[in-house]
Amino acid sequence: MTVLSSCETYRISVPLKKPFKTALRTVVAAEAIIVHLSTTDGRSGFGEAPPTHVITGDTLDGIERAVQLTATQLIGLDIRHREQLFEKLHKTLIGNTSAKGAVDMALYDLIAQHANLPLTQFLGGYRESVETDYTVSVNAPEEMADDAAVYEKDGFSVLKVKVGIDTPENDLERIKAIRKRVGDKVTLRLDANQGWDRKSAVRIINKMEQAGLDIELIEQPVPASDIEGLKFVTDHTMTPIMADESVFSLVDARRVLELRAADLINIKLMKAGGIHQALKINALAESYGVRCMTGSMIETKLGLSAAAHFAASQPNITRFDFDAPLMLKEDLLPGGILYSGRTISFSQQPGLGIDAERFLEILRERRG
């Protein structure tokens, strides 16, 4: 037997190189709760949960308390009985998807270690590497064009551009400025973060199409709860529309898919409550012929390692938004995924490939 024996939590905060601005918030540091699960045979599993309160409703205090409550139900269980573990995880608390996501990551880290496989191979092993986009924060058109040019020079061929902070007309000027600066060799995808209403979205997307701005996709143009509005935009534009904040759960995904309300779905572990549920959402989307992207919040390389292992394992996940660790001033994680410009690869170490002893030293030093 390999039994869960303890759970510890740590708080971290890592400054960003530059403030990250969207229609929902401005972030200057990546804050998170780190979860450490131990087993009776000496293994360590790790997970991460950032407090993205404007999206998931979660706070640092709430995440930490939810992890502690969940852990009381999991300690003493055998990690080989993983369906029991995940049933307990998701039935112990309603909501709290970030806390569940962090515990889920740590469990999968342990389970893959027990199988002596890197997590991506344990989950399916479809790809050896993935390529991330890079996000352009929403600012004045000139500043966004400057940022886009820098990211293109750094080798990023896909840019995810944040819009939706003020007026759709201003967003049109932002995209024109970026496209003029980077030319037509860079793929542009937009993320409105719920910043438009349905009619404004259709109007401005049609203008972008008429202007020949060649937008790959537009993510979450309308408020998360407005599924009918999402469908309206999808039905009245040629540009592919992606659901993000509208899809947290399998139930959410089924509603969007049944209504054909979006062309694509963005799966995030912090919305889904971890890999276990994310796999189900992706499988459901695949059954409808709908491709998925895997994205993230502002997280360290720990959370992105879990997301990247999941995404690389599945053929239906075809787009990857894993740039958050590249925005941070320091990398706390010894091990995990490997960045080489826009390319992310995986070590052959079991689980998430983390040097547990060194990572715990770092966490305890920062705790003081």
Protein backbone atom coordinates (compact mmCIF):
# COMPACT_ATOMS: atom_id res chain seq x y z
CA MET A 1 0.00 0.00 0.00
CA THR A 2 1.02 3.58 -0.71
CA VAL A 3 -1.02 5.68 1.69
CA LEU A 4 -1.40 9.45 1.93
CA SER A 5 0.13 10.42 5.26
CA SER A 6 0.21 14.24 5.48
CA CYS A 7 -0.67 17.53 3.79
CA GLU A 8 1.19 20.83 4.14
CA THR A 9 0.44 24.21 2.58
CA TYR A 10 2.76 27.13 1.82
CA ARG A 11 2.07 30.67 0.62
CA ILE A 12 4.25 32.21 -2.07
CA SER A 13 4.41 35.52 -3.92
CA VAL A 14 6.62 36.11 -6.96
CA PRO A 15 6.78 39.58 -8.61
CA LEU A 16 6.02 39.95 -12.32
CA LYS A 17 8.48 41.64 -14.66
CA LYS A 18 5.66 43.94 -15.83
CA PRO A 19 2.06 44.42 -14.61
CA PHE A 20 -0.35 42.03 -16.31
CA LYS A 21 -3.54 43.83 -17.39
CA THR A 22 -6.82 42.36 -18.60
CA ALA A 23 -10.43 43.54 -18.74
CA LEU A 24 -10.91 41.97 -15.29
CA ARG A 25 -7.83 42.94 -13.26
CA THR A 26 -4.22 44.11 -13.03
CA VAL A 27 -1.69 41.74 -11.46
CA VAL A 28 1.79 42.69 -10.21
CA ALA A 29 2.75 39.43 -8.46
CA ALA A 30 1.90 35.75 -8.76
CA GLU A 31 0.46 34.66 -5.42
CA ALA A 32 -0.43 31.06 -4.69
CA ILE A 33 -0.99 28.31 -2.18
CA ILE A 34 1.41 25.41 -2.70
CA VAL A 35 0.13 21.98 -1.62
CA HIS A 36 2.53 19.24 -0.51
CA LEU A 37 1.15 15.72 -0.08
CA SER A 38 3.30 12.98 1.44
CA THR A 39 2.90 9.20 1.36
CA THR A 40 3.98 6.47 3.74
CA ASP A 41 6.66 5.30 1.29
CA GLY A 42 8.39 8.69 1.31
CA ARG A 43 7.07 10.25 -1.89
CA SER A 44 6.07 13.91 -2.27
CA GLY A 45 3.43 15.32 -4.60
CA PHE A 46 2.94 19.04 -5.29
CA GLY A 47 0.15 21.28 -6.54
CA GLU A 48 -0.50 25.01 -6.87
CA ALA A 49 -3.57 27.24 -6.61
CA PRO A 50 -3.53 31.00 -7.38
CA PRO A 51 -6.33 33.15 -5.90
CA THR A 52 -7.99 34.41 -9.09
CA HIS A 53 -10.99 35.90 -7.27
CA VAL A 54 -12.44 37.72 -10.30
CA ILE A 55 -12.74 34.42 -12.19
CA THR A 56 -12.95 31.52 -9.73
CA GLY A 57 -14.02 33.51 -6.64
CA ASP A 58 -11.14 32.03 -4.64
CA THR A 59 -8.88 33.84 -2.15
CA LEU A 60 -5.64 32.75 -0.50
CA ASP A 61 -7.32 32.21 2.86
CA GLY A 62 -10.21 30.34 1.28
CA ILE A 63 -7.96 28.10 -0.78
CA GLU A 64 -5.80 27.21 2.20
CA ARG A 65 -8.78 26.35 4.37
CA ALA A 66 -10.42 24.32 1.61
CA VAL A 67 -7.22 22.32 1.06
CA GLN A 68 -7.02 21.56 4.78
CA LEU A 69 -10.66 20.42 4.90
CA THR A 70 -10.18 18.22 1.84
CA ALA A 71 -6.97 16.71 3.19
CA THR A 72 -8.74 15.42 6.29
CA GLN A 73 -10.86 13.23 3.99
CA LEU A 74 -7.91 11.96 1.95
CA ILE A 75 -5.27 11.17 4.56
CA GLY A 76 -5.08 7.41 5.08
CA LEU A 77 -6.30 6.50 1.58
CA ASP A 78 -4.25 4.38 -0.83
CA ILE A 79 -3.18 6.35 -3.92
CA ARG A 80 -3.64 3.23 -6.07
CA HIS A 81 -7.40 3.61 -5.59
CA ARG A 82 -7.48 6.85 -7.49
CA GLU A 83 -11.19 6.94 -8.31
CA GLN A 84 -11.88 6.82 -4.57
CA LEU A 85 -9.47 9.71 -4.07
CA PHE A 86 -11.03 11.92 -6.72
CA GLU A 87 -14.57 11.05 -5.62
CA LYS A 88 -13.69 12.20 -2.10
CA LEU A 89 -11.92 15.29 -3.43
CA HIS A 90 -14.92 16.50 -5.40
CA LYS A 91 -17.64 15.51 -2.92
CA THR A 92 -16.04 17.00 0.19
CA LEU A 93 -16.65 20.61 -0.89
CA ILE A 94 -18.92 22.44 -3.31
CA GLY A 95 -17.06 24.82 -5.63
CA ASN A 96 -13.53 25.67 -4.44
CA THR A 97 -12.14 24.63 -7.82
CA SER A 98 -8.71 26.18 -7.23
CA ALA A 99 -8.15 24.25 -3.99
CA LYS A 100 -9.38 21.06 -5.62
CA GLY A 101 -7.12 21.72 -8.60
CA ALA A 102 -4.02 22.03 -6.41
CA VAL A 103 -4.80 18.82 -4.50
CA ASP A 104 -5.60 17.05 -7.77
CA MET A 105 -2.19 18.07 -9.20
CA ALA A 106 -0.40 16.71 -6.13
CA LEU A 107 -2.36 13.45 -6.34
CA TYR A 108 -1.55 12.97 -10.02
CA ASP A 109 2.10 13.77 -9.31
CA LEU A 110 2.13 10.94 -6.74
CA ILE A 111 0.13 8.49 -8.88
CA ALA A 112 2.45 8.95 -11.88
CA GLN A 113 5.49 8.58 -9.62
CA HIS A 114 4.03 5.32 -8.32
CA ALA A 115 3.65 4.17 -11.96
CA ASN A 116 7.26 5.35 -12.60
CA LEU A 117 6.15 7.47 -15.56
CA PRO A 118 6.27 11.17 -16.38
CA LEU A 119 2.73 12.47 -15.88
CA THR A 120 2.21 13.28 -19.56
CA GLN A 121 2.99 9.64 -20.45
CA PHE A 122 0.80 8.33 -17.65
CA LEU A 123 -2.11 10.41 -18.98
CA GLY A 124 -1.68 9.46 -22.63
CA GLY A 125 1.73 10.54 -23.95
CA TYR A 126 0.51 12.09 -27.20
CA ARG A 127 3.24 14.78 -27.58
CA GLU A 128 6.86 15.18 -26.56
CA SER A 129 6.64 18.99 -26.52
CA VAL A 130 4.21 21.90 -26.97
CA GLU A 131 4.56 25.54 -28.06
CA THR A 132 3.07 28.36 -26.02
CA ASP A 133 1.74 31.70 -27.13
CA TYR A 134 2.70 34.93 -25.33
CA THR A 135 0.17 37.38 -23.92
CA VAL A 136 0.06 41.07 -24.75
CA SER A 137 -1.51 42.97 -21.83
CA VAL A 138 -4.16 45.54 -22.61
CA ASN A 139 -2.73 49.08 -22.75
CA ALA A 140 -2.64 51.97 -25.23
CA PRO A 141 -2.29 50.82 -28.86
CA GLU A 142 1.30 52.06 -29.22
CA GLU A 143 2.47 50.31 -26.05
CA MET A 144 0.76 47.08 -27.07
CA ALA A 145 2.35 47.25 -30.52
CA ASP A 146 5.77 47.79 -28.89
CA ASP A 147 5.23 44.80 -26.59
CA ALA A 148 4.09 42.62 -29.48
CA ALA A 149 7.20 43.50 -31.46
CA VAL A 150 9.41 42.51 -28.51
CA TYR A 151 7.66 39.16 -28.11
CA GLU A 152 7.93 38.49 -31.85
CA LYS A 153 11.64 39.26 -31.72
CA ASP A 154 11.93 36.81 -28.80
CA GLY A 155 10.62 34.08 -31.08
CA PHE A 156 6.91 33.88 -30.24
CA SER A 157 4.87 33.25 -33.39
CA VAL A 158 1.46 33.29 -31.66
CA LEU A 159 0.37 36.29 -29.58
CA LYS A 160 -2.68 36.33 -27.33
CA VAL A 161 -3.91 39.90 -27.16
CA LYS A 162 -6.00 41.14 -24.24
CA VAL A 163 -8.89 43.47 -25.10
CA GLY A 164 -12.25 44.45 -23.61
CA ILE A 165 -11.13 46.98 -21.02
CA ASP A 166 -12.93 50.05 -22.43
CA THR A 167 -14.64 50.25 -25.84
CA PRO A 168 -14.67 47.83 -28.77
CA GLU A 169 -13.64 50.70 -31.06
CA ASN A 170 -10.48 51.23 -29.00
CA ASP A 171 -9.83 47.50 -29.22
CA LEU A 172 -10.01 47.73 -33.01
CA GLU A 173 -7.32 50.41 -32.94
CA ARG A 174 -5.18 48.23 -30.66
CA ILE A 175 -5.33 45.29 -33.05
CA LYS A 176 -4.66 47.46 -36.09
CA ALA A 177 -1.56 48.88 -34.39
CA ILE A 178 -0.28 45.41 -33.46
CA ARG A 179 -0.94 43.91 -36.89
CA LYS A 180 0.81 46.84 -38.58
CA ARG A 181 3.85 46.37 -36.34
CA VAL A 182 4.26 42.58 -36.48
CA GLY A 183 3.03 41.96 -40.02
CA ASP A 184 1.11 38.91 -41.21
CA LYS A 185 3.53 36.18 -40.13
CA VAL A 186 2.44 36.32 -36.48
CA THR A 187 -0.80 34.60 -35.44
CA LEU A 188 -3.04 36.84 -33.36
CA ARG A 189 -5.73 35.52 -31.02
CA LEU A 190 -7.82 37.88 -28.88
CA ASP A 191 -9.15 37.51 -25.34
CA ALA A 192 -11.91 39.91 -24.31
CA ASN A 193 -12.30 38.40 -20.81
CA GLN A 194 -16.10 39.01 -20.92
CA GLY A 195 -15.53 42.67 -21.81
CA TRP A 196 -18.07 43.09 -24.62
CA ASP A 197 -21.82 42.59 -24.95
CA ARG A 198 -23.16 40.36 -27.70
CA LYS A 199 -24.08 43.06 -30.25
CA SER A 200 -20.91 45.08 -29.69
CA ALA A 201 -18.90 41.88 -30.09
CA VAL A 202 -20.51 41.04 -33.42
CA ARG A 203 -20.10 44.61 -34.68
CA ILE A 204 -16.42 44.89 -33.81
CA ILE A 205 -15.50 41.35 -34.92
CA ASN A 206 -17.15 42.01 -38.30
CA LYS A 207 -15.09 45.21 -38.60
CA MET A 208 -11.91 43.25 -37.83
CA GLU A 209 -12.85 40.71 -40.50
CA GLN A 210 -13.57 43.45 -43.04
CA ALA A 211 -10.24 45.11 -42.23
CA GLY A 212 -8.42 41.86 -42.98
CA LEU A 213 -6.80 41.68 -39.53
CA ASP A 214 -6.75 37.86 -39.75
CA ILE A 215 -7.66 36.96 -36.16
CA GLU A 216 -7.25 33.25 -35.37
CA LEU A 217 -9.91 33.18 -32.64
CA ILE A 218 -11.64 35.36 -30.06
CA GLU A 219 -11.91 34.13 -26.49
CA GLN A 220 -14.88 34.82 -24.20
CA PRO A 221 -16.27 37.96 -25.87
CA VAL A 222 -19.34 38.18 -23.59
CA PRO A 223 -20.11 37.70 -19.87
CA ALA A 224 -19.65 34.12 -18.65
CA SER A 225 -23.32 33.61 -17.80
CA ASP A 226 -24.57 34.78 -21.21
CA ILE A 227 -24.45 31.48 -23.08
CA GLU A 228 -27.16 32.64 -25.48
CA GLY A 229 -25.04 35.74 -26.17
CA LEU A 230 -22.02 33.55 -26.77
CA LYS A 231 -24.02 31.56 -29.30
CA PHE A 232 -25.24 34.80 -30.92
CA VAL A 233 -21.65 35.93 -31.47
CA THR A 234 -20.61 32.50 -32.75
CA ASP A 235 -23.54 32.39 -35.18
CA HIS A 236 -23.01 35.92 -36.53
CA THR A 237 -19.25 36.00 -37.11
CA MET A 238 -16.79 34.03 -39.24
CA THR A 239 -13.95 34.19 -36.69
CA PRO A 240 -13.85 31.14 -34.38
CA ILE A 241 -15.17 31.88 -30.88
CA MET A 242 -13.73 30.23 -27.78
CA ALA A 243 -15.53 29.73 -24.46
CA ASP A 244 -13.38 30.27 -21.37
CA GLU A 245 -15.06 31.62 -18.23
CA SER A 246 -18.36 30.14 -19.44
CA VAL A 247 -16.96 26.62 -18.92
CA PHE A 248 -15.88 25.52 -15.46
CA SER A 249 -17.55 22.12 -15.15
CA LEU A 250 -18.64 19.18 -17.25
CA VAL A 251 -22.21 20.49 -16.96
CA ASP A 252 -21.11 23.89 -18.29
CA ALA A 253 -19.28 22.24 -21.17
CA ARG A 254 -22.28 20.11 -22.09
CA ARG A 255 -24.54 23.16 -22.25
CA VAL A 256 -22.12 25.09 -24.50
CA LEU A 257 -21.58 22.06 -26.72
CA GLU A 258 -25.25 21.12 -27.02
CA LEU A 259 -26.15 24.69 -28.02
CA ARG A 260 -23.15 24.95 -30.35
CA ALA A 261 -22.50 28.20 -28.50
CA ALA A 262 -18.75 28.22 -29.20
CA ASP A 263 -16.31 26.78 -31.71
CA LEU A 264 -13.60 26.01 -29.13
CA ILE A 265 -13.22 25.56 -25.36
CA ASN A 266 -10.42 26.76 -23.09
CA ILE A 267 -9.81 24.25 -20.28
CA LYS A 268 -8.03 25.51 -17.18
CA LEU A 269 -7.24 23.29 -14.22
CA MET A 270 -8.21 26.04 -11.78
CA LYS A 271 -11.69 26.21 -13.30
CA ALA A 272 -12.21 22.48 -13.74
CA GLY A 273 -10.91 21.53 -10.29
CA GLY A 274 -7.90 19.68 -11.64
CA ILE A 275 -6.81 17.14 -14.22
CA HIS A 276 -9.40 14.48 -13.37
CA GLN A 277 -12.33 16.70 -14.38
CA ALA A 278 -10.38 18.39 -17.19
CA LEU A 279 -9.93 15.02 -18.89
CA LYS A 280 -13.71 14.55 -18.85
CA ILE A 281 -14.38 18.00 -20.30
CA ASN A 282 -11.88 17.41 -23.09
CA ALA A 283 -13.34 13.98 -23.89
CA LEU A 284 -16.85 15.46 -24.07
CA ALA A 285 -15.67 18.27 -26.35
CA GLU A 286 -13.89 15.75 -28.57
CA SER A 287 -17.12 13.76 -28.90
CA TYR A 288 -18.74 16.91 -30.35
CA GLY A 289 -15.81 17.55 -32.68
CA VAL A 290 -14.76 20.64 -30.73
CA ARG A 291 -11.05 21.28 -30.18
CA CYS A 292 -9.70 22.64 -26.90
CA MET A 293 -6.98 24.94 -25.66
CA THR A 294 -5.38 24.59 -22.24
CA GLY A 295 -4.63 27.86 -20.50
CA SER A 296 -3.72 29.02 -17.03
CA MET A 297 -4.00 31.84 -14.56
CA ILE A 298 -0.95 33.84 -13.41
CA GLU A 299 0.85 30.84 -11.95
CA THR A 300 4.40 29.67 -11.31
CA LYS A 301 6.02 26.83 -13.20
CA LEU A 302 4.49 24.31 -10.78
CA GLY A 303 0.90 24.90 -11.87
CA LEU A 304 1.99 25.19 -15.50
CA SER A 305 3.87 21.90 -15.28
CA ALA A 306 0.66 20.09 -14.37
CA ALA A 307 -1.31 21.92 -17.08
CA ALA A 308 1.33 21.23 -19.73
CA HIS A 309 1.58 17.53 -18.86
CA PHE A 310 -2.20 17.27 -19.17
CA ALA A 311 -2.38 19.21 -22.43
CA ALA A 312 0.48 17.37 -24.11
CA SER A 313 -1.13 14.02 -23.34
CA GLN A 314 -4.34 14.68 -25.33
CA PRO A 315 -4.69 14.90 -29.14
CA ASN A 316 -7.86 17.03 -28.93
CA ILE A 317 -5.97 19.84 -27.16
CA THR A 318 -4.38 21.80 -29.98
CA ARG A 319 -3.56 25.22 -28.47
CA PHE A 320 -1.42 26.09 -25.46
CA ASP A 321 -1.34 29.24 -23.33
CA PHE A 322 1.50 28.60 -20.90
CA ASP A 323 3.47 31.85 -20.79
CA ALA A 324 2.85 32.88 -17.15
CA PRO A 325 6.19 31.59 -15.75
CA LEU A 326 8.03 33.62 -18.40
CA MET A 327 6.46 36.78 -16.93
CA LEU A 328 7.90 36.20 -13.45
CA LYS A 329 11.10 37.70 -12.06
CA GLU A 330 12.23 34.37 -10.59
CA ASP A 331 11.60 30.64 -10.92
CA LEU A 332 11.17 28.88 -7.56
CA LEU A 333 10.67 25.37 -8.91
CA PRO A 334 13.63 22.98 -9.23
CA GLY A 335 12.52 20.66 -12.01
CA GLY A 336 9.19 20.57 -13.79
CA ILE A 337 8.69 21.52 -17.43
CA LEU A 338 11.57 22.92 -19.50
CA TYR A 339 11.25 26.20 -21.44
CA SER A 340 13.30 26.95 -24.53
CA GLY A 341 11.77 30.11 -25.97
CA ARG A 342 8.23 29.20 -26.96
CA THR A 343 8.87 25.44 -26.79
CA ILE A 344 8.03 23.47 -23.64
CA SER A 345 9.43 19.98 -23.15
CA PHE A 346 9.28 17.40 -20.40
CA SER A 347 11.88 15.62 -18.35
CA GLN A 348 11.78 11.84 -18.14
CA GLN A 349 11.53 11.92 -14.35
CA PRO A 350 8.38 10.34 -12.88
CA GLY A 351 5.38 12.52 -12.06
CA LEU A 352 5.92 16.25 -12.56
CA GLY A 353 9.69 15.79 -12.36
CA ILE A 354 10.20 18.01 -9.30
CA ASP A 355 13.23 17.86 -7.01
CA ALA A 356 11.10 17.49 -3.89
CA GLU A 357 13.88 17.87 -1.31
CA ARG A 358 15.19 21.10 -2.82
CA PHE A 359 11.72 22.52 -3.41
CA LEU A 360 10.74 21.96 0.20
CA GLU A 361 13.92 23.71 1.29
CA ILE A 362 12.99 26.73 -0.84
CA LEU A 363 9.42 26.82 0.46
CA ARG A 364 10.52 26.58 4.09
CA GLU A 365 13.17 29.25 3.64
CA ARG A 366 10.58 31.63 2.18
CA ARG A 367 8.20 30.84 5.00
CA GLY A 368 10.93 32.07 7.35
